[in-house]
Amino acid sequence: MNVRPVAGYRFRGGAERDVSRVVAPPYDQITEETQARLYAMSAWNIVRVSYPCDAPDADRYTAARRTLDAWLADGAWAREAEAAIYPYQQTYTVAGRPVTRTGFIALGEVSDYAAGVVRPHERTHAGPKRDRLRLLEATGADVGLLFMLVSDPAGDLRRVTVPVGEPIAEARDLRGEVHRLWRITDTAALARAQALMASRTVLIADGHHRYETAVDYARRHPAARWKLMAFFALEAPSLTIFPNHRLLHDVEGFDFDALLRAAGRWFDVAPLADPLGFRPENRAIGVVAGRDAAVLRLRAEGLDAIRWPDGTSQAWRELAVSILHEGVLRPLLGITEAKLEARTHVDYTADRAEAVRLARESRCQAAFLIAPTTSEELWAVVQGGNVLPQKSTHFYPKLLDGLVFHRFEDATEGA
């Protein structure tokens, strides 16, 4: 992966380094309620560019461009004097335990997946890519970080990009997790980081839609082939992946008891007394519908009996999300790829308590509780040439928009 430093744009509307009020989660994590909350936090919150509200006198993409132009004109956001690689650290809590994850932000050169430099792990939807492309065309601004994984078994990359001294910016996200940013401008360190990255492939953890949009945008604008990315070590123990539980809705004639009877072909079915205390496994899926709940545990012969898509590896077939899609959703409920693409029958949440609550309150027909995919499983699937269904992983915490961004018109500098 070819990378290079970037003279990024950072918030300069205040003397303090705490930029909590101007940062935002990625666009696909923003609900209407979240959008309103971010708007209220600051007139300079990056959401006004990354995911703006509808404007009364123009479409929201044009409104985003006007907002960005105004910010740059009044100096609220300004470009740094020299190019840098930005160490990026997240400190967060999982199951009551503090975790710190450190990577670095730089420009990465985008290329087609066929080139083998950047590897996806999930399928994408067409709708979000159309939205992101329209925003890029209108603003020419690269405000959303891609979460990329790179193998660094010896820790060389981590050593050369380690944060030193005080951060230049820090923020708490809407969940209270801490994000800090540093800057490296030493030419020897920058050259060393670029050399270490040059021969490595990277895996997209989060941001498939934005990456594919960047590739499409670069085809239309060849000078814009550099995209802002955050790179983290695949081997780091601080890589936290949650599952995206499936929420079923609008399936005509859905019947919980009938589903369990049909699932009995391949699964052992047992009552589930406590969905919140349930710990899903790859071959054990929880399902909650109203006050009812059950565990579907795939039998050994069931793994062989399921009609798997052609070309899928053993590693792919062993995953909980694959077993759910190919052993339950598709054959028993008629949820095809087309329906998943249209998002007419399945929604997603990484919050198991929310999934159970929505099912209990009958705000969805059923919630399917699945196990997370580990980083080792993810790498094995990608190495086998496969990609997972949409929304198969939820990397936590999300990277923040607004710590630093860049504009594509600046991308040719230093090439």
Protein backbone atom coordinates (compact mmCIF):
# COMPACT_ATOMS: atom_id res chain seq x y z
CA MET A 1 0.00 0.00 0.00
CA ASN A 2 1.47 3.33 -1.05
CA VAL A 3 0.95 5.96 1.63
CA ARG A 4 2.10 9.51 2.09
CA PRO A 5 1.81 12.26 4.69
CA VAL A 6 -0.93 14.86 4.45
CA ALA A 7 -1.18 18.51 5.37
CA GLY A 8 -4.55 18.09 6.97
CA TYR A 9 -7.30 20.54 7.80
CA ARG A 10 -8.01 20.86 11.52
CA PHE A 11 -10.39 22.89 13.61
CA ARG A 12 -8.99 26.27 14.62
CA GLY A 13 -12.13 27.87 16.03
CA GLY A 14 -10.88 27.71 19.63
CA ALA A 15 -7.67 27.80 21.62
CA GLU A 16 -8.26 24.51 23.44
CA ARG A 17 -7.27 21.15 22.02
CA ASP A 18 -10.58 19.55 23.06
CA VAL A 19 -12.57 19.29 19.82
CA SER A 20 -15.43 17.13 21.13
CA ARG A 21 -18.06 19.60 19.96
CA VAL A 22 -16.98 19.56 16.29
CA VAL A 23 -16.40 15.83 15.68
CA ALA A 24 -18.96 13.22 14.65
CA PRO A 25 -19.28 9.48 14.11
CA PRO A 26 -19.23 8.10 10.54
CA TYR A 27 -22.27 8.98 8.45
CA ASP A 28 -23.72 5.46 8.56
CA GLN A 29 -23.88 5.59 12.37
CA ILE A 30 -25.95 8.80 12.42
CA THR A 31 -29.68 8.63 13.07
CA GLU A 32 -32.00 11.65 12.81
CA GLU A 33 -31.75 12.03 16.59
CA THR A 34 -27.95 11.86 16.49
CA GLN A 35 -27.84 14.35 13.63
CA ALA A 36 -29.94 16.84 15.59
CA ARG A 37 -27.73 16.37 18.66
CA LEU A 38 -24.57 17.02 16.65
CA TYR A 39 -26.07 20.11 15.01
CA ALA A 40 -26.87 21.50 18.46
CA MET A 41 -23.32 20.95 19.71
CA SER A 42 -21.67 23.48 17.39
CA ALA A 43 -22.17 25.51 14.23
CA TRP A 44 -18.83 24.01 13.17
CA ASN A 45 -19.61 20.35 13.75
CA ILE A 46 -18.29 18.29 10.84
CA VAL A 47 -21.68 16.56 10.46
CA ARG A 48 -22.82 19.66 8.56
CA VAL A 49 -20.47 18.52 5.78
CA SER A 50 -20.36 14.74 6.23
CA TYR A 51 -24.10 14.17 6.74
CA PRO A 52 -25.99 17.46 6.45
CA CYS A 53 -29.69 18.01 7.00
CA ASP A 54 -31.88 18.71 3.99
CA ALA A 55 -31.63 22.38 3.03
CA PRO A 56 -34.77 24.34 2.12
CA ASP A 57 -33.20 26.26 -0.76
CA ALA A 58 -30.86 23.62 -2.20
CA ASP A 59 -30.06 19.95 -2.02
CA ARG A 60 -28.03 18.91 0.99
CA TYR A 61 -24.91 18.20 -1.05
CA THR A 62 -24.79 21.80 -2.29
CA ALA A 63 -25.49 22.95 1.26
CA ALA A 64 -22.51 20.91 2.47
CA ARG A 65 -20.25 22.64 -0.05
CA ARG A 66 -21.48 26.09 0.98
CA THR A 67 -20.85 25.25 4.62
CA LEU A 68 -17.33 24.02 3.94
CA ASP A 69 -16.48 27.06 1.83
CA ALA A 70 -17.68 29.36 4.61
CA TRP A 71 -15.63 27.52 7.25
CA LEU A 72 -12.45 27.75 5.19
CA ALA A 73 -13.07 31.40 4.37
CA ASP A 74 -13.47 32.43 8.01
CA GLY A 75 -10.59 30.25 9.21
CA ALA A 76 -12.62 28.00 11.52
CA TRP A 77 -10.97 25.08 9.77
CA ALA A 78 -7.49 25.62 8.32
CA ARG A 79 -4.84 23.60 6.57
CA GLU A 80 -1.62 22.81 8.39
CA ALA A 81 1.65 24.24 7.16
CA GLU A 82 3.45 20.94 6.60
CA ALA A 83 2.53 17.39 5.76
CA ALA A 84 2.40 14.83 8.54
CA ILE A 85 1.42 11.35 9.58
CA TYR A 86 -0.99 11.55 12.49
CA PRO A 87 -0.80 8.92 15.26
CA TYR A 88 -4.39 8.25 16.37
CA GLN A 89 -5.25 6.68 19.71
CA GLN A 90 -8.60 5.49 21.06
CA THR A 91 -9.13 4.67 24.73
CA TYR A 92 -12.39 2.92 25.48
CA THR A 93 -14.08 0.39 27.73
CA VAL A 94 -15.23 -3.14 26.89
CA ALA A 95 -16.95 -5.25 29.53
CA GLY A 96 -15.69 -2.89 32.21
CA ARG A 97 -12.07 -3.16 31.07
CA PRO A 98 -10.11 -0.17 29.66
CA VAL A 99 -8.59 -0.73 26.22
CA THR A 100 -6.23 1.46 24.20
CA ARG A 101 -5.81 1.10 20.44
CA THR A 102 -3.21 3.10 18.50
CA GLY A 103 -2.76 3.52 14.77
CA PHE A 104 -1.89 6.32 12.38
CA ILE A 105 -3.62 8.46 9.78
CA ALA A 106 -2.13 9.07 6.33
CA LEU A 107 -3.17 9.26 2.70
CA GLY A 108 -3.45 5.85 1.05
CA GLU A 109 -3.52 5.27 -2.69
CA VAL A 110 -6.81 3.73 -3.80
CA SER A 111 -6.93 0.94 -6.37
CA ASP A 112 -9.35 -1.65 -7.67
CA TYR A 113 -9.70 -4.76 -5.53
CA ALA A 114 -8.35 -6.75 -8.48
CA ALA A 115 -4.93 -5.21 -7.88
CA GLY A 116 -4.78 -7.12 -4.59
CA VAL A 117 -3.44 -4.20 -2.53
CA VAL A 118 -6.67 -3.42 -0.70
CA ARG A 119 -8.90 -6.30 0.32
CA PRO A 120 -12.56 -6.07 1.33
CA HIS A 121 -14.32 -8.37 3.78
CA GLU A 122 -17.97 -7.33 3.32
CA ARG A 123 -20.45 -6.85 0.53
CA THR A 124 -21.81 -3.34 0.04
CA HIS A 125 -25.11 -1.64 -0.82
CA ALA A 126 -25.53 0.56 -3.89
CA GLY A 127 -27.54 3.30 -2.16
CA PRO A 128 -24.86 4.52 0.29
CA LYS A 129 -22.28 4.62 -2.49
CA ARG A 130 -24.51 6.88 -4.62
CA ASP A 131 -24.95 9.17 -1.62
CA ARG A 132 -21.23 9.36 -0.85
CA LEU A 133 -20.33 9.96 -4.51
CA ARG A 134 -22.76 12.88 -4.76
CA LEU A 135 -21.23 14.38 -1.63
CA LEU A 136 -17.70 14.01 -3.01
CA GLU A 137 -18.67 15.55 -6.33
CA ALA A 138 -20.25 18.51 -4.54
CA THR A 139 -17.58 19.19 -1.91
CA GLY A 140 -14.33 17.68 -3.14
CA ALA A 141 -13.64 17.05 0.56
CA ASP A 142 -12.37 13.84 2.12
CA VAL A 143 -13.84 14.09 5.61
CA GLY A 144 -14.42 10.42 6.51
CA LEU A 145 -11.62 8.17 7.76
CA LEU A 146 -11.36 4.61 6.51
CA PHE A 147 -10.50 2.00 9.16
CA MET A 148 -7.78 -0.18 7.62
CA LEU A 149 -5.98 -3.21 9.05
CA VAL A 150 -2.39 -4.04 8.19
CA SER A 151 -0.33 -6.99 9.34
CA ASP A 152 2.49 -5.83 11.61
CA PRO A 153 3.66 -8.96 13.45
CA ALA A 154 7.03 -7.52 14.46
CA GLY A 155 5.57 -4.17 15.51
CA ASP A 156 7.78 -2.13 13.16
CA LEU A 157 4.97 0.15 12.02
CA ARG A 158 3.75 0.67 15.55
CA ARG A 159 7.22 1.70 16.70
CA VAL A 160 7.82 4.23 13.92
CA THR A 161 4.37 5.83 14.37
CA VAL A 162 4.22 5.79 18.18
CA PRO A 163 2.73 8.96 19.73
CA VAL A 164 5.28 11.23 21.40
CA GLY A 165 4.58 14.14 23.73
CA GLU A 166 1.21 15.81 24.19
CA PRO A 167 -1.59 15.28 21.66
CA ILE A 168 -2.54 18.11 19.31
CA ALA A 169 -6.25 17.31 19.59
CA GLU A 170 -8.50 15.15 21.71
CA ALA A 171 -12.21 14.46 21.91
CA ARG A 172 -14.84 12.35 23.60
CA ASP A 173 -17.31 10.73 21.25
CA LEU A 174 -21.03 10.46 21.95
CA ARG A 175 -20.45 7.28 23.95
CA GLY A 176 -17.79 8.91 26.10
CA GLU A 177 -14.81 7.12 24.54
CA VAL A 178 -11.59 9.14 24.23
CA HIS A 179 -9.85 9.91 20.93
CA ARG A 180 -6.43 11.61 20.70
CA LEU A 181 -4.38 12.85 17.77
CA TRP A 182 -0.64 13.54 17.42
CA ARG A 183 1.50 14.71 14.50
CA ILE A 184 4.76 13.33 13.06
CA THR A 185 6.65 15.59 10.63
CA ASP A 186 10.19 14.21 10.95
CA THR A 187 11.25 13.34 7.42
CA ALA A 188 13.17 10.22 8.41
CA ALA A 189 10.21 8.82 10.36
CA LEU A 190 7.83 9.60 7.49
CA ALA A 191 10.10 7.89 4.97
CA ARG A 192 10.47 4.85 7.23
CA ALA A 193 6.68 4.52 7.62
CA GLN A 194 6.19 4.80 3.86
CA ALA A 195 8.86 2.18 3.20
CA LEU A 196 7.33 -0.24 5.70
CA MET A 197 3.87 0.16 4.15
CA ALA A 198 4.98 -0.09 0.52
CA SER A 199 5.02 -3.89 0.32
CA ARG A 200 2.00 -4.59 2.53
CA THR A 201 -1.58 -5.30 1.63
CA VAL A 202 -4.36 -3.85 3.77
CA LEU A 203 -7.80 -5.04 4.78
CA ILE A 204 -10.79 -2.73 5.03
CA ALA A 205 -12.26 -3.06 8.52
CA ASP A 206 -14.77 -0.22 8.29
CA GLY A 207 -15.60 1.97 5.31
CA HIS A 208 -16.24 -0.36 2.36
CA HIS A 209 -18.81 2.00 0.84
CA ARG A 210 -16.52 5.00 1.19
CA TYR A 211 -13.53 3.11 -0.23
CA GLU A 212 -15.44 1.89 -3.29
CA THR A 213 -16.79 5.42 -3.75
CA ALA A 214 -13.24 6.79 -3.59
CA VAL A 215 -12.17 4.34 -6.30
CA ASP A 216 -15.10 5.42 -8.47
CA TYR A 217 -14.34 9.10 -7.82
CA ALA A 218 -10.68 8.58 -8.75
CA ARG A 219 -11.75 7.08 -12.09
CA ARG A 220 -13.58 10.33 -12.81
CA HIS A 221 -10.86 12.51 -11.27
CA PRO A 222 -7.50 10.72 -11.66
CA ALA A 223 -5.64 13.24 -9.49
CA ALA A 224 -7.84 12.26 -6.53
CA ARG A 225 -6.44 8.78 -6.05
CA TRP A 226 -5.29 9.46 -2.46
CA LYS A 227 -7.80 8.81 0.32
CA LEU A 228 -7.55 9.60 4.03
CA MET A 229 -7.11 6.34 5.95
CA ALA A 230 -6.38 5.22 9.50
CA PHE A 231 -4.18 2.13 9.75
CA PHE A 232 -4.21 -0.26 12.73
CA ALA A 233 -2.28 -3.48 13.31
CA LEU A 234 -4.19 -6.67 12.61
CA GLU A 235 -2.34 -8.45 15.41
CA ALA A 236 -2.99 -5.83 18.08
CA PRO A 237 -4.87 -7.26 21.09
CA SER A 238 -7.00 -4.10 21.18
CA LEU A 239 -8.96 -4.94 18.02
CA THR A 240 -12.58 -5.05 19.20
CA ILE A 241 -15.22 -6.55 16.89
CA PHE A 242 -18.89 -6.77 17.85
CA PRO A 243 -21.50 -8.70 15.84
CA ASN A 244 -24.31 -6.96 14.00
CA HIS A 245 -27.44 -8.76 15.16
CA ARG A 246 -30.21 -9.10 12.58
CA LEU A 247 -33.67 -7.56 13.05
CA LEU A 248 -36.35 -9.18 10.90
CA HIS A 249 -39.35 -7.15 9.74
CA ASP A 250 -42.12 -7.13 7.12
CA VAL A 251 -41.82 -10.83 6.26
CA GLU A 252 -45.28 -11.88 5.16
CA GLY A 253 -46.74 -14.76 7.15
CA PHE A 254 -43.88 -14.93 9.63
CA ASP A 255 -44.58 -17.47 12.38
CA PHE A 256 -42.08 -18.18 15.16
CA ASP A 257 -43.20 -21.76 15.82
CA ALA A 258 -43.17 -22.58 12.11
CA LEU A 259 -39.64 -21.19 11.85
CA LEU A 260 -38.45 -23.43 14.67
CA ARG A 261 -40.04 -26.50 13.10
CA ALA A 262 -38.39 -25.76 9.77
CA ALA A 263 -35.03 -25.07 11.43
CA GLY A 264 -35.18 -28.52 13.01
CA ARG A 265 -33.94 -29.98 9.73
CA TRP A 266 -30.42 -28.75 10.47
CA PHE A 267 -30.50 -27.31 13.99
CA ASP A 268 -31.17 -28.61 17.45
CA VAL A 269 -33.77 -26.25 18.87
CA ALA A 270 -34.03 -25.45 22.59
CA PRO A 271 -35.80 -22.76 24.66
CA LEU A 272 -33.78 -19.69 25.57
CA ALA A 273 -34.73 -18.43 29.02
CA ASP A 274 -32.38 -15.43 29.17
CA PRO A 275 -31.53 -13.82 25.81
CA LEU A 276 -29.53 -11.05 27.51
CA GLY A 277 -27.33 -13.60 29.27
CA PHE A 278 -26.98 -15.77 26.18
CA ARG A 279 -23.49 -15.99 24.68
CA PRO A 280 -23.84 -16.83 20.98
CA GLU A 281 -21.35 -19.14 19.32
CA ASN A 282 -20.66 -19.70 15.65
CA ARG A 283 -22.98 -22.71 15.54
CA ALA A 284 -25.43 -21.44 18.19
CA ILE A 285 -27.77 -18.60 17.21
CA GLY A 286 -30.35 -16.98 19.47
CA VAL A 287 -33.73 -15.92 18.13
CA VAL A 288 -36.20 -13.73 20.01
CA ALA A 289 -39.76 -12.98 18.89
CA GLY A 290 -42.10 -11.23 21.33
CA ARG A 291 -41.98 -13.14 24.60
CA ASP A 292 -40.62 -16.26 22.91
CA ALA A 293 -36.95 -17.13 22.50
CA ALA A 294 -34.93 -20.14 21.37
CA VAL A 295 -31.43 -21.31 20.57
CA LEU A 296 -30.71 -22.82 17.15
CA ARG A 297 -27.61 -25.02 17.41
CA LEU A 298 -26.34 -26.35 14.08
CA ARG A 299 -25.72 -30.09 14.03
CA ALA A 300 -22.56 -31.47 12.42
CA GLU A 301 -24.48 -32.97 9.51
CA GLY A 302 -26.32 -29.68 9.10
CA LEU A 303 -23.14 -27.89 8.12
CA ASP A 304 -22.82 -30.29 5.18
CA ALA A 305 -26.52 -30.20 4.31
CA ILE A 306 -26.85 -26.43 3.89
CA ARG A 307 -26.71 -25.29 0.25
CA TRP A 308 -23.71 -23.00 0.45
CA PRO A 309 -22.95 -20.48 -2.30
CA ASP A 310 -20.41 -21.75 -4.80
CA GLY A 311 -16.80 -20.91 -4.03
CA THR A 312 -17.23 -20.28 -0.31
CA SER A 313 -14.45 -21.61 1.90
CA GLN A 314 -14.73 -23.73 5.02
CA ALA A 315 -13.67 -20.70 7.07
CA TRP A 316 -16.56 -18.69 5.58
CA ARG A 317 -19.09 -21.45 6.23
CA GLU A 318 -18.10 -21.81 9.87
CA LEU A 319 -19.01 -18.20 10.74
CA ALA A 320 -22.19 -17.41 12.65
CA VAL A 321 -23.27 -14.75 10.14
CA SER A 322 -22.86 -17.19 7.24
CA ILE A 323 -24.77 -19.95 9.04
CA LEU A 324 -27.58 -17.50 9.83
CA HIS A 325 -27.85 -16.21 6.27
CA GLU A 326 -27.52 -19.52 4.45
CA GLY A 327 -29.14 -21.82 7.03
CA VAL A 328 -32.04 -19.65 8.18
CA LEU A 329 -32.69 -16.33 6.44
CA ARG A 330 -32.42 -17.47 2.83
CA PRO A 331 -33.91 -21.02 2.87
CA LEU A 332 -36.48 -20.63 5.64
CA LEU A 333 -37.56 -16.99 5.34
CA GLY A 334 -36.87 -16.19 1.70
CA ILE A 335 -34.42 -13.37 2.44
CA THR A 336 -32.48 -13.23 -0.83
CA GLU A 337 -29.47 -11.11 -1.73
CA ALA A 338 -31.82 -8.76 -3.59
CA LYS A 339 -33.91 -8.25 -0.44
CA LEU A 340 -30.80 -7.66 1.64
CA GLU A 341 -29.60 -5.12 -0.92
CA ALA A 342 -32.97 -3.36 -0.83
CA ARG A 343 -33.01 -3.50 3.00
CA THR A 344 -36.70 -4.35 2.94
CA HIS A 345 -36.68 -7.11 5.56
CA VAL A 346 -33.51 -6.91 7.66
CA ASP A 347 -32.05 -4.16 9.85
CA TYR A 348 -28.98 -4.32 12.05
CA THR A 349 -27.77 -3.41 15.53
CA ALA A 350 -24.55 -4.16 17.37
CA ASP A 351 -26.34 -3.67 20.70
CA ARG A 352 -27.68 -7.01 21.89
CA ALA A 353 -29.84 -5.41 24.58
CA GLU A 354 -31.43 -3.20 21.93
CA ALA A 355 -32.05 -6.20 19.67
CA VAL A 356 -33.78 -8.10 22.48
CA ARG A 357 -35.81 -5.04 23.49
CA LEU A 358 -37.04 -4.38 19.97
CA ALA A 359 -38.08 -8.02 19.59
CA ARG A 360 -39.75 -8.08 23.01
CA GLU A 361 -41.70 -4.92 22.15
CA SER A 362 -42.66 -6.42 18.74
CA ARG A 363 -41.01 -3.52 16.96
CA CYS A 364 -39.46 -6.18 14.75
CA GLN A 365 -40.71 -9.68 13.99
CA ALA A 366 -37.61 -11.37 15.37
CA ALA A 367 -34.09 -10.60 16.49
CA PHE A 368 -31.31 -13.04 15.59
CA LEU A 369 -28.39 -12.93 18.03
CA ILE A 370 -25.06 -14.01 16.56
CA ALA A 371 -21.45 -14.38 17.68
CA PRO A 372 -18.82 -11.84 16.63
CA THR A 373 -16.28 -12.60 13.94
CA THR A 374 -12.73 -12.63 15.35
CA SER A 375 -9.81 -10.96 13.59
CA GLU A 376 -8.29 -14.40 12.94
CA GLU A 377 -11.51 -15.66 11.37
CA LEU A 378 -11.83 -12.49 9.32
CA TRP A 379 -8.30 -12.83 7.95
CA ALA A 380 -8.86 -16.52 7.13
CA VAL A 381 -12.01 -15.67 5.16
CA VAL A 382 -10.29 -12.92 3.20
CA GLN A 383 -7.27 -15.13 2.52
CA GLY A 384 -9.71 -17.69 1.11
CA GLY A 385 -10.95 -15.12 -1.41
CA ASN A 386 -14.39 -14.62 0.14
CA VAL A 387 -16.33 -11.63 1.47
CA LEU A 388 -18.94 -11.68 4.21
CA PRO A 389 -22.57 -10.59 3.95
CA GLN A 390 -23.37 -6.92 4.45
CA LYS A 391 -22.99 -5.57 7.99
CA SER A 392 -21.21 -8.67 9.28
CA THR A 393 -18.84 -6.85 11.61
CA HIS A 394 -19.03 -3.85 13.90
CA PHE A 395 -15.60 -2.54 14.83
CA TYR A 396 -15.68 -0.59 18.09
CA PRO A 397 -15.26 2.24 18.71
CA LYS A 398 -15.90 3.97 15.42
CA LEU A 399 -13.32 6.40 14.09
CA LEU A 400 -14.26 10.06 14.36
CA ASP A 401 -14.84 12.43 11.48
CA GLY A 402 -13.51 15.91 12.14
CA LEU A 403 -10.20 15.25 13.87
CA VAL A 404 -8.51 15.94 10.54
CA PHE A 405 -9.62 15.98 6.91
CA HIS A 406 -8.24 16.82 3.50
CA ARG A 407 -9.43 18.09 0.14
CA PHE A 408 -8.83 16.28 -3.12
CA GLU A 409 -7.64 19.44 -4.83
CA ASP A 410 -4.62 19.31 -2.48
CA ALA A 411 -3.87 15.64 -3.26
CA THR A 412 -1.50 16.29 -6.18
CA GLU A 413 0.91 18.22 -3.98
CA GLY A 414 4.00 16.24 -3.07
CA ALA A 415 3.17 13.46 -5.56
